[in-house]
Protein backbone atom coordinates (compact mmCIF):
# COMPACT_ATOMS: atom_id res chain seq x y z
CA MET A 1 104.34 42.90 110.91
CA ASP A 2 105.99 46.29 110.46
CA SER A 3 104.07 49.28 111.70
CA VAL A 4 103.92 52.75 110.44
CA ASP A 5 104.01 56.13 112.17
CA LEU A 6 101.77 58.70 110.52
CA THR A 7 102.08 61.39 113.16
CA GLU A 8 104.31 63.47 110.91
CA ASP A 9 103.42 64.27 107.30
CA LYS A 10 106.52 62.77 105.71
CA GLU A 11 107.06 60.47 102.81
CA GLN A 12 107.30 57.00 104.30
CA LEU A 13 110.49 55.05 103.50
CA PRO A 14 110.99 51.28 103.60
CA PRO A 15 112.04 50.11 107.08
CA VAL A 16 115.74 49.41 107.75
CA LYS A 17 116.42 45.76 108.52
CA ALA A 18 118.69 44.55 111.31
CA GLN A 19 122.43 44.32 110.68
CA ASN A 20 123.63 41.62 108.28
CA VAL A 21 120.20 41.40 106.63
CA GLN A 22 119.92 42.85 103.15
CA PRO A 23 117.17 45.46 102.89
CA PRO A 24 114.42 44.62 100.37
CA GLN A 25 114.92 45.99 96.88
CA PRO A 26 112.24 48.30 95.41
CA GLN A 27 109.93 46.41 93.18
CA GLN A 28 109.23 47.47 90.08
CA GLY A 29 73.52 53.75 84.59
CA ILE A 30 73.99 53.70 88.40
CA THR A 31 71.49 54.40 91.08
CA PRO A 32 73.26 57.18 92.97
CA PRO A 33 72.48 57.56 96.64
CA GLN A 34 69.93 60.17 97.52
CA GLN A 35 71.46 63.53 98.09
CA PHE A 36 71.48 65.18 101.52
CA ALA A 37 67.97 66.50 102.13
CA PHE A 38 67.19 69.65 103.98
CA PRO A 39 65.87 70.01 107.52
CA GLU A 40 62.22 71.01 107.74
CA GLN A 41 62.85 74.02 109.90
CA ASN A 42 65.62 75.28 107.68
CA GLU A 43 64.11 74.35 104.32
CA ARG A 44 66.14 76.08 101.61
CA ARG A 45 67.74 75.79 98.25
CA PHE A 46 66.30 74.01 95.23
CA ASN A 47 62.57 74.00 94.93
CA VAL A 48 62.46 70.91 92.73
CA ASN A 49 62.20 67.18 93.24
CA LEU A 50 65.72 65.85 92.99
CA MET A 51 64.96 62.29 93.93
CA THR A 52 63.57 61.07 90.58
CA PRO A 53 65.35 57.86 89.67
CA ILE A 54 67.75 57.97 86.76
CA GLU A 55 68.32 55.24 84.28
CA GLU A 56 71.18 55.45 81.87
CA ARG A 57 71.28 53.66 78.52
CA THR A 58 74.66 52.07 78.25
CA GLU A 59 75.95 50.37 75.12
CA THR A 60 77.22 46.85 75.26
CA SER A 61 80.73 47.04 73.92
CA ILE A 62 83.52 44.58 73.41
CA PHE A 63 86.51 46.52 74.74
CA GLN A 64 89.70 45.78 72.89
CA TYR A 65 92.50 44.84 75.22
CA SER A 66 95.55 47.00 74.63
CA GLN A 67 98.94 47.60 75.97
CA ASP A 68 98.69 48.50 79.65
CA GLU A 69 98.63 52.26 79.56
CA SER A 70 99.04 52.39 83.31
CA SER A 71 102.76 51.89 82.84
CA PHE A 72 102.87 55.39 81.39
CA LEU A 73 101.00 56.89 84.29
CA GLN A 74 103.20 58.65 86.79
CA SER A 75 101.43 59.20 90.09
CA PRO A 76 102.20 62.23 92.32
CA LEU A 77 103.98 59.94 94.73
CA VAL A 78 106.57 58.70 92.21
CA GLU A 79 106.74 61.86 90.14
CA SER A 80 110.10 62.65 91.65
CA GLN A 81 111.57 59.80 89.60
CA ARG A 82 110.96 61.91 86.54
CA ILE A 83 111.07 65.54 87.75
CA GLN A 84 112.78 66.60 90.97
CA HIS A 85 110.63 68.76 93.26
CA PRO A 86 111.64 70.53 96.44
CA PRO A 87 110.67 68.50 99.54
CA GLU A 88 107.19 69.14 100.78
CA GLN A 89 107.11 71.41 103.79
CA PRO A 90 105.08 70.12 106.75
CA GLU A 91 101.89 72.02 107.31
CA GLN A 92 100.10 72.82 110.56
CA PRO A 93 97.36 70.26 111.16
CA ARG A 94 93.66 71.06 111.17
CA THR A 95 91.08 70.10 112.73
CA PRO A 96 77.59 50.77 94.81
CA VAL A 97 75.67 48.72 93.73
CA ARG A 98 75.08 50.51 90.46
CA GLN A 99 72.30 49.71 88.10
CA ASP A 100 71.57 50.64 84.56
CA ARG A 101 69.25 53.48 83.92
CA SER A 102 67.91 55.58 81.09
CA ILE A 103 68.79 59.26 81.08
CA LYS A 104 65.73 61.19 82.21
CA ASN A 105 66.79 63.15 85.25
CA LEU A 106 69.94 62.93 87.35
CA ASP A 107 68.92 61.73 90.81
CA SER A 108 70.58 63.52 93.69
CA SER A 109 70.51 61.56 95.73
CA PRO A 110 95.28 63.31 118.67
CA PHE A 111 97.02 61.53 119.05
CA GLU A 112 98.24 59.77 122.20
CA GLU A 113 101.96 59.02 122.22
CA TYR A 114 102.87 55.57 121.14
CA ILE A 115 105.49 54.13 123.47
CA PRO A 116 107.47 51.23 122.00
CA LYS A 117 108.35 48.29 124.18
CA HIS A 118 111.95 48.37 125.39
CA ARG A 119 114.12 45.56 126.54
CA PRO A 120 114.69 45.18 130.32
CA LEU A 121 117.37 47.29 131.86
CA LEU A 122 120.79 45.70 131.53
CA VAL A 123 122.74 45.81 134.81
CA VAL A 124 126.51 45.43 134.36
CA LYS A 125 127.95 43.94 137.54
CA LYS A 126 131.03 46.13 137.91
CA PRO A 127 131.56 48.33 140.94
CA SER A 128 132.63 51.29 138.89
CA VAL A 129 129.89 51.09 136.22
CA PRO A 130 126.26 52.00 137.05
CA ALA A 131 123.32 50.19 135.54
CA LYS A 132 122.60 51.36 132.00
CA ARG A 133 119.79 51.10 129.47
CA PRO A 134 121.08 49.61 126.23
CA THR A 135 120.89 51.61 123.04
CA THR A 136 117.47 51.26 121.39
CA THR A 137 117.64 49.18 118.28
CA THR A 138 115.97 50.02 115.01
CA SER A 139 113.28 47.40 115.60
CA GLU A 140 112.24 49.18 118.83
CA LYS A 141 111.77 52.60 117.27
CA HIS A 142 108.85 53.96 115.32
CA ARG A 143 109.23 52.76 111.80
CA THR A 144 108.21 54.56 108.66
CA GLY A 145 107.22 52.89 105.41
CA PRO A 146 104.27 51.07 103.88
CA ILE A 147 102.29 48.57 105.92
CA ILE A 148 101.07 46.60 102.89
CA ARG A 149 103.87 45.08 100.79
CA GLU A 150 101.87 43.61 97.93
CA GLU A 151 102.46 45.26 94.54
CA GLN A 152 98.88 44.43 93.45
CA CYS A 153 95.84 44.14 95.68
CA ASN A 154 92.23 45.16 96.29
CA PRO A 155 92.48 48.19 98.62
CA GLN A 156 88.90 47.57 99.86
CA ASP A 157 89.56 44.02 100.97
CA ASP A 158 88.66 43.48 104.63
CA ALA A 159 91.90 41.59 105.29
CA ILE A 160 93.95 44.45 103.87
CA GLN A 161 92.22 47.01 106.08
CA LYS A 162 92.57 44.80 109.15
CA GLN A 163 96.30 44.49 108.53
CA ILE A 164 96.53 48.25 108.28
CA PHE A 165 94.72 48.91 111.57
CA ASP A 166 96.62 46.15 113.38
CA ASN A 167 99.93 47.88 112.52
CA LEU A 168 98.98 51.54 112.37
CA ARG A 169 100.95 53.86 114.63
CA PRO A 170 99.55 55.91 116.24
CA ALA A 171 96.61 53.56 116.55
CA ILE A 172 93.19 54.83 115.47
CA ASP A 173 91.81 54.61 118.98
CA THR A 174 94.05 57.55 119.92
CA TYR A 175 92.36 59.85 117.40
CA ASP A 176 90.33 62.68 118.88
CA GLY A 177 86.60 61.90 118.60
CA PHE A 178 87.03 58.12 118.32
CA LEU A 179 85.04 56.19 120.92
CA SER A 180 85.11 52.39 120.82
CA ALA A 181 82.69 50.03 122.50
CA GLU A 182 83.38 47.00 120.32
CA THR A 183 82.21 44.56 122.98
CA GLU A 184 78.77 46.22 123.19
CA THR A 185 75.77 45.82 120.90
CA PHE A 186 73.99 49.10 120.07
CA ASN A 187 71.26 47.95 117.62
CA LYS A 188 69.55 51.30 117.14
CA VAL A 189 69.16 51.37 113.36
CA PRO A 190 65.90 49.32 113.29
CA ALA A 191 64.27 51.67 115.82
CA ILE A 192 65.47 54.73 113.91
CA GLU A 193 64.12 53.45 110.60
CA LYS A 194 60.75 52.53 112.24
CA PHE A 195 60.54 56.06 113.69
CA LEU A 196 61.23 57.62 110.32
CA ARG A 197 58.55 55.49 108.64
CA THR A 198 56.09 56.63 111.25
CA LEU A 199 57.22 60.22 110.75
CA SER A 200 56.64 59.88 107.03
CA SER A 201 53.09 58.58 107.53
CA LYS A 202 52.34 61.58 109.77
CA GLU A 203 53.53 63.92 107.07
CA ASN A 204 51.12 62.16 104.73
CA GLY A 205 48.14 62.90 106.92
CA ALA A 206 48.29 60.56 109.94
CA THR A 207 47.20 62.24 113.18
CA THR A 208 48.94 59.91 115.64
CA GLN A 209 51.27 61.69 118.07
CA ILE A 210 54.81 60.56 117.43
CA PRO A 211 57.34 60.65 120.30
CA GLU A 212 60.82 62.02 119.64
CA MET A 213 63.63 59.58 118.68
CA ARG A 214 66.79 60.15 120.69
CA ILE A 215 70.12 58.30 120.70
CA GLN A 216 73.03 58.77 123.09
CA LEU A 217 76.46 58.70 121.52
CA GLY A 218 79.18 59.25 124.12
CA GLU A 219 78.30 62.38 126.10
CA THR A 220 76.08 63.79 123.33
CA GLU A 221 72.39 63.15 122.88
CA TYR A 222 71.00 63.46 119.37
CA LEU A 223 67.43 63.92 118.13
CA ILE A 224 66.85 62.11 114.83
CA ARG A 225 65.12 64.44 112.38
CA LYS A 226 65.03 62.72 109.03
CA LYS A 227 66.78 60.37 106.64
CA LEU A 228 69.18 62.15 104.31
CA GLY A 229 70.18 59.29 102.02
CA GLN A 230 70.86 55.66 101.54
CA GLY A 231 74.04 54.23 100.15
CA ALA A 232 74.80 50.62 99.31
CA TYR A 233 75.46 49.76 102.97
CA ALA A 234 75.15 52.98 104.96
CA PRO A 235 72.02 55.06 105.65
CA VAL A 236 72.64 58.71 106.51
CA PHE A 237 70.45 60.55 109.03
CA LEU A 238 70.03 64.18 109.94
CA ALA A 239 70.39 64.66 113.68
CA GLU A 240 70.23 67.61 116.02
CA CYS A 241 72.31 67.93 119.16
CA SER A 242 69.71 68.22 121.93
CA ARG A 243 71.92 70.55 123.99
CA THR A 244 73.32 72.93 121.34
CA GLY A 245 70.83 72.56 118.49
CA GLN A 246 73.66 71.97 116.00
CA LEU A 247 72.72 69.85 113.00
CA ARG A 248 74.95 66.86 112.07
CA ALA A 249 74.87 64.23 109.39
CA ILE A 250 75.28 60.75 110.94
CA LYS A 251 76.39 57.92 108.66
CA VAL A 252 75.67 54.47 110.02
CA GLU A 253 77.40 51.32 108.87
CA LYS A 254 76.61 47.81 110.05
CA SER A 255 77.49 44.21 109.21
CA PRO A 256 80.26 44.92 109.80
CA PRO A 257 80.77 48.39 111.30
CA ARG A 258 83.67 50.26 109.70
CA LYS A 259 86.23 52.81 110.76
CA TRP A 260 88.09 53.27 107.46
CA GLU A 261 86.29 56.42 106.32
CA PHE A 262 86.92 58.17 109.65
CA TYR A 263 90.63 57.31 109.46
CA LEU A 264 90.98 58.51 105.87
CA MET A 265 89.12 61.79 106.31
CA ARG A 266 91.20 62.64 109.42
CA GLN A 267 94.43 61.84 107.56
CA ALA A 268 93.38 63.95 104.58
CA LYS A 269 92.46 66.97 106.75
CA ARG A 270 95.74 66.69 108.70
CA ARG A 271 97.91 66.46 105.63
CA LEU A 272 96.10 69.28 103.79
CA GLY A 273 96.55 71.52 106.85
CA VAL A 274 95.40 75.13 106.49
CA SER A 275 94.90 75.30 102.76
CA ARG A 276 92.19 76.07 100.22
CA ALA A 277 92.17 72.42 99.24
CA ALA A 278 91.27 71.53 102.82
CA THR A 279 88.05 73.54 102.58
CA GLY A 280 87.06 71.29 99.66
CA MET A 281 86.01 68.43 101.94
CA ILE A 282 83.72 68.18 104.96
CA ASP A 283 84.93 67.44 108.45
CA ALA A 284 84.67 64.07 110.22
CA LEU A 285 83.85 65.12 113.79
CA GLY A 286 83.79 61.73 115.48
CA LEU A 287 83.22 57.98 115.24
CA HIS A 288 81.33 55.79 117.72
CA LEU A 289 82.19 52.11 117.10
CA PHE A 290 80.07 49.27 118.45
CA ARG A 291 80.12 45.56 117.79
CA ASP A 292 77.21 45.76 115.37
CA GLU A 293 77.09 49.40 114.18
CA SER A 294 79.33 52.41 113.64
CA TYR A 295 78.20 56.04 113.79
CA LEU A 296 80.27 58.52 111.82
CA ILE A 297 79.50 62.12 112.87
CA LEU A 298 79.90 64.53 109.99
CA GLU A 299 79.65 68.22 109.28
CA TYR A 300 76.25 68.98 107.76
CA ARG A 301 75.73 71.27 104.79
CA ASP A 302 72.24 71.99 103.50
CA GLN A 303 72.91 73.48 100.08
CA GLY A 304 72.59 70.37 97.97
CA THR A 305 75.01 68.70 95.59
CA ILE A 306 76.35 69.31 92.10
CA LEU A 307 73.93 66.63 90.98
CA GLY A 308 71.06 68.50 92.53
CA LEU A 309 72.18 71.72 90.81
CA VAL A 310 72.36 69.92 87.44
CA ASN A 311 68.73 68.84 87.93
CA PHE A 312 67.71 72.29 89.12
CA VAL A 313 69.00 74.15 86.07
CA LYS A 314 67.09 71.83 83.77
CA VAL A 315 63.86 73.52 84.84
CA ASN A 316 65.26 76.80 86.25
CA PRO A 317 67.98 78.02 83.80
CA ILE A 318 70.64 80.19 85.48
CA GLY A 319 72.76 82.45 83.29
CA ALA A 320 72.98 82.56 79.52
CA GLU A 321 72.14 78.89 78.90
CA THR A 322 68.48 78.28 78.16
CA THR A 323 68.78 74.63 77.00
CA GLY A 324 68.48 72.97 80.43
CA VAL A 325 72.23 72.69 81.13
CA MET A 326 74.55 74.58 83.44
CA ASP A 327 75.98 77.90 82.24
CA GLU A 328 79.56 77.40 81.03
CA VAL A 329 80.99 80.07 83.41
CA LEU A 330 79.40 78.33 86.41
CA ALA A 331 80.54 74.88 85.22
CA MET A 332 84.12 76.13 84.81
CA PHE A 333 84.09 77.64 88.31
CA PHE A 334 83.13 74.31 89.93
CA THR A 335 85.58 72.48 87.71
CA VAL A 336 88.42 74.68 88.95
CA GLU A 337 87.36 74.10 92.57
CA LEU A 338 87.25 70.33 92.03
CA LEU A 339 90.65 70.21 90.36
CA ARG A 340 92.25 72.19 93.15
CA THR A 341 90.91 69.91 95.86
CA VAL A 342 91.80 66.66 94.08
CA GLU A 343 95.27 67.93 93.21
CA GLY A 344 95.83 68.65 96.93
CA LEU A 345 94.64 65.24 98.04
CA HIS A 346 96.73 63.38 95.42
CA ALA A 347 99.82 65.38 96.27
CA ARG A 348 99.48 64.14 99.83
CA GLY A 349 98.80 60.54 99.02
CA ILE A 350 95.02 60.39 99.29
CA LEU A 351 92.64 59.05 96.64
CA HIS A 352 88.94 59.75 97.01
CA GLY A 353 87.96 56.62 95.06
CA ASP A 354 84.32 57.51 94.37
CA LEU A 355 84.09 60.96 92.73
CA LYS A 356 80.69 61.62 91.22
CA PRO A 357 78.21 64.56 91.12
CA ASP A 358 76.24 63.42 94.17
CA ASN A 359 79.41 63.22 96.30
CA CYS A 360 80.11 66.96 95.74
CA LEU A 361 78.25 69.29 98.11
CA LEU A 362 77.89 72.90 97.23
CA ARG A 363 79.82 75.23 99.53
CA LEU A 364 78.29 78.66 99.13
CA ASP A 365 78.88 80.51 102.37
CA GLU A 366 77.03 83.63 103.37
CA GLY A 367 78.51 86.97 102.47
CA ASP A 368 78.77 89.07 99.38
CA LEU A 369 81.41 88.51 96.73
CA THR A 370 82.88 92.01 96.57
CA VAL A 371 84.89 91.69 93.37
CA PRO A 372 84.78 89.67 90.16
CA TYR A 373 86.37 86.21 90.29
CA ARG A 374 89.82 86.06 91.89
CA ARG A 375 91.91 82.92 91.74
CA ASP A 376 93.71 83.76 94.98
CA GLY A 377 90.39 83.54 96.89
CA SER A 378 90.27 87.19 97.89
CA GLY A 379 86.98 89.16 97.86
CA GLY A 380 85.04 86.24 99.37
CA TRP A 381 85.88 83.69 96.66
CA SER A 382 87.70 81.27 99.01
CA GLN A 383 84.34 80.85 100.85
CA ASN A 384 82.63 79.44 97.78
CA GLY A 385 83.15 76.12 95.97
CA ILE A 386 82.49 72.51 96.76
CA ALA A 387 82.99 70.06 99.66
CA LEU A 388 83.62 66.38 98.97
CA ILE A 389 81.81 63.69 100.93
CA ASP A 390 81.78 59.83 101.03
CA PHE A 391 85.40 58.74 101.45
CA GLY A 392 84.36 55.13 102.13
CA ARG A 393 86.31 53.94 99.06
CA GLY A 394 89.24 56.23 99.66
CA ILE A 395 92.86 54.99 99.59
CA ASP A 396 95.85 56.11 101.62
CA MET A 397 98.72 55.65 99.18
CA LYS A 398 101.33 56.03 101.92
CA LEU A 399 100.29 52.66 103.31
CA PHE A 400 101.30 50.90 100.06
CA PRO A 401 104.56 50.57 98.08
CA GLU A 402 105.27 53.33 95.57
CA ASN A 403 104.78 51.01 92.60
CA VAL A 404 101.48 49.53 93.85
CA ARG A 405 98.67 48.94 91.38
CA PHE A 406 95.12 48.13 92.50
CA ILE A 407 92.50 45.74 91.14
CA ALA A 408 88.71 45.97 91.42
CA ASP A 409 86.65 42.85 92.11
CA TRP A 410 83.29 44.55 92.07
CA LYS A 411 80.77 45.07 89.28
CA THR A 412 81.66 48.02 87.04
CA ASP A 413 79.92 50.16 84.44
CA GLU A 414 80.66 53.14 82.22
CA GLN A 415 80.96 55.41 85.25
CA ASP A 416 84.11 53.51 86.26
CA CYS A 417 87.51 54.04 84.69
CA PRO A 418 88.45 51.82 81.68
CA GLU A 419 91.20 50.14 83.72
CA MET A 420 88.54 48.79 86.10
CA ARG A 421 86.17 47.79 83.30
CA GLU A 422 88.94 45.94 81.46
CA MET A 423 90.35 44.28 84.55
CA ARG A 424 93.64 46.18 84.29
CA PRO A 425 95.47 47.58 87.33
CA TRP A 426 94.89 51.20 88.30
CA THR A 427 95.67 53.92 90.85
CA HIS A 428 94.92 57.63 90.26
CA GLN A 429 92.85 56.78 87.18
CA VAL A 430 89.89 56.15 89.44
CA ASP A 431 89.74 59.82 90.45
CA TYR A 432 90.64 61.21 87.02
CA TRP A 433 87.73 59.36 85.42
CA GLY A 434 85.42 60.46 88.23
CA LEU A 435 86.36 64.12 87.58
CA ALA A 436 85.66 63.69 83.89
CA GLY A 437 82.20 62.32 84.76
CA ILE A 438 81.35 65.28 86.97
CA ILE A 439 82.43 67.73 84.27
CA HIS A 440 80.35 65.89 81.71
CA SER A 441 77.26 66.04 83.93
CA MET A 442 77.59 69.82 84.30
CA LEU A 443 78.11 70.43 80.58
CA PHE A 444 75.53 68.02 79.21
CA GLY A 445 73.12 67.36 82.09
CA LYS A 446 73.59 63.56 82.07
CA TYR A 447 76.03 60.87 83.01
CA ILE A 448 79.18 60.40 80.95
CA SER A 449 78.96 58.39 77.76
CA VAL A 450 82.15 57.61 75.81
CA ARG A 451 83.54 55.81 72.85
CA TRP A 452 87.10 54.95 71.85
CA GLU A 453 89.21 55.67 68.82
CA PRO A 454 92.32 53.65 67.78
CA VAL A 455 95.59 55.36 68.35
CA GLY A 456 98.52 53.50 66.81
CA THR A 457 99.02 49.78 67.37
CA GLY A 458 97.11 48.26 70.27
CA LYS A 459 96.15 51.58 71.86
CA LYS A 460 92.98 53.63 72.05
CA ARG A 461 91.86 57.07 73.08
CA TRP A 462 88.60 57.66 74.94
CA VAL A 463 86.39 60.52 73.68
CA LEU A 464 82.91 61.81 74.50
CA ARG A 465 79.97 60.70 72.38
CA GLU A 466 78.59 64.25 72.47
CA GLY A 467 80.22 67.22 70.76
CA LEU A 468 81.00 70.46 72.58
CA LYS A 469 78.94 73.49 71.61
CA ARG A 470 80.68 75.77 69.19
CA TYR A 471 80.46 78.84 71.50
CA TRP A 472 82.04 77.01 74.44
CA GLN A 473 85.73 77.21 75.28
CA GLY A 474 86.37 74.03 73.36
CA GLU A 475 90.14 74.00 73.63
CA LEU A 476 90.02 74.22 77.41
CA TRP A 477 87.36 71.57 77.82
CA ARG A 478 88.87 69.12 75.32
CA LYS A 479 92.29 69.37 76.91
CA VAL A 480 91.23 68.75 80.49
CA LEU A 481 88.85 65.94 79.48
CA ASP A 482 91.60 64.29 77.36
CA VAL A 483 94.05 64.35 80.30
CA LEU A 484 91.44 62.92 82.69
CA MET A 485 90.21 60.21 80.34
CA ASN A 486 93.55 59.20 78.78
CA PRO A 487 96.26 59.84 81.42
CA GLY A 488 98.54 57.11 80.08
CA LEU A 489 98.48 58.44 76.52
CA VAL A 490 99.01 62.01 77.68
CA VAL A 491 102.20 61.07 79.56
CA ALA A 492 103.43 58.94 76.65
CA GLU A 493 102.79 61.60 74.03
CA GLU A 494 104.05 64.60 76.03
CA VAL A 495 107.36 63.43 77.44
CA GLY A 496 108.51 65.33 80.50
CA LEU A 497 105.08 66.27 81.80
CA SER A 498 103.22 64.19 84.39
CA VAL A 499 99.45 64.06 84.70
CA PRO A 500 99.40 66.24 87.88
CA LEU A 501 101.42 68.90 86.08
CA ARG A 502 99.16 68.74 83.08
CA LEU A 503 96.04 69.12 85.26
CA ASN A 504 97.60 72.01 87.12
CA GLU A 505 98.27 73.69 83.80
CA CYS A 506 94.62 73.14 82.74
CA ARG A 507 93.35 74.58 85.98
CA GLU A 508 95.50 77.71 85.72
CA LYS A 509 94.29 78.36 82.15
CA MET A 510 90.68 78.05 83.34
CA GLU A 511 91.39 80.43 86.26
CA THR A 512 92.85 82.96 83.77
CA TRP A 513 89.78 82.66 81.57
CA LEU A 514 87.49 83.11 84.55
CA GLU A 515 89.25 86.25 85.74
CA MET A 516 88.69 87.73 82.32
CA ASN A 517 85.11 86.49 81.70
CA SER A 518 83.42 85.89 85.05
CA GLU A 519 81.16 88.94 84.47
CA ARG A 520 80.04 87.72 81.11
CA GLY A 521 76.26 87.58 80.73
CA ILE A 522 74.59 88.01 84.09
CA GLY A 523 77.93 87.22 85.76
CA LEU A 524 79.23 84.45 88.00
CA ARG A 525 78.49 86.39 91.18
CA THR A 526 74.85 86.81 90.22
CA MET A 527 74.53 83.12 89.40
CA ILE A 528 75.97 82.08 92.74
CA ARG A 529 73.61 84.51 94.52
CA ARG A 530 70.68 83.04 92.67
CA ILE A 531 71.61 79.53 93.72
CA GLU A 532 71.87 80.68 97.34
CA ASN A 533 68.41 82.26 97.08
CA SER A 534 66.99 79.48 94.89
CA ARG A 535 63.84 79.02 97.03
CA LYS A 536 62.80 82.47 95.81
CA LEU A 537 63.03 81.50 92.10
């Protein structure tokens, strides 16, 4: 099986076959996880209960099958077929099971050098000719190009991911922070969960003395403090380093343990380099892999999620809005930050795969914003925005052929893109639809609900069921939502412009509007300051 070298951030090309062999031709609602909670000793942020279950009423619809719009969608990786761009300059590296619900409240919920094997030294038995090493053939060098050759596949399939790791160069066990003990059984999760149940009973009035719960991961000992959330397969705990006192979020996966999220987050950070987009995702600090469990060590942020903020403003209005939804200026600011981060990830071949409000942490760093909103990040604005979490369903597009299309074999609902729901192939649509859902939750305070309208023969356009308020910037919101929900139609109707270029254009228009209107009402700076000091509200 061909391997792939991802040490350098370059577009991967199909491998060159040996001489006399022709190279291959190019082939053409939900119960969201609980949000990160806050440590007791550093209790801060929203003084509301964000853990109320949400149920979304979804309509049972018979979706009309139409012409595959995905053929019109041009991903960032093949965009050069339509519009030529200058080559990307290398950057310096840096370090579900969903259920229906009615809408009441949104619940928050390194590399070591790879040395290829060479043939034995060839000794030519001539007195005048010394022994020489033969010229290294193509098959002995690091190859570039996709590992997976299928044009259509499920990117989350265990066999696909095993094939990737078996042929990845450099191998994942050379990544800084990766510690493997795959022959050992750790089995600490049951003890951790028992400790947390006992801790909960003490908080409810029990007087029994509870010993501390400690786990040793590599050279670091952690004290388990509380449970932050529970995904479909992976509980997340808050832990404190016993030596330094630093707080970490530890995501545990078992049956089987997984290393995909660690790989993807490290690749994303390396490819983004030192950029504003890189600040839009948290850091994966390490992975401890055992036979039965894996422990992903993550940067911890205690400011809540966009989902938590949506719930908070329902009872604590911030800004001009008094109807229990987020102020438009604030919603547009977070929309711009999300678009910038996702644009950066897509341009470097990374799909998040599970964008939703509870996977967007608030990133509101300490320090005053000295000037009104600046798109260049000056005046403290680069320190404020969002940080994406949960890359467990992420996809590295560089591991697949350029014309790959994915299929989903899991249960879907209205929060998933239409291509998934209608059993049609997809790629970037998964993130576009996720972005539309986050924007909808900020504007309307609930999960996205859509309907479709016929457009010509055999086609349809998805639109929101709710109407935008007349005093909102309707043209801006309608345009960005239309691009996100109908990428195939947008490309077909606006020849010469790809979806990434259209989204970039929408973001720049929003930035222009924010620079002119960020001080409207009480002002964006004041709203951000109020969120930071929310425990005082």
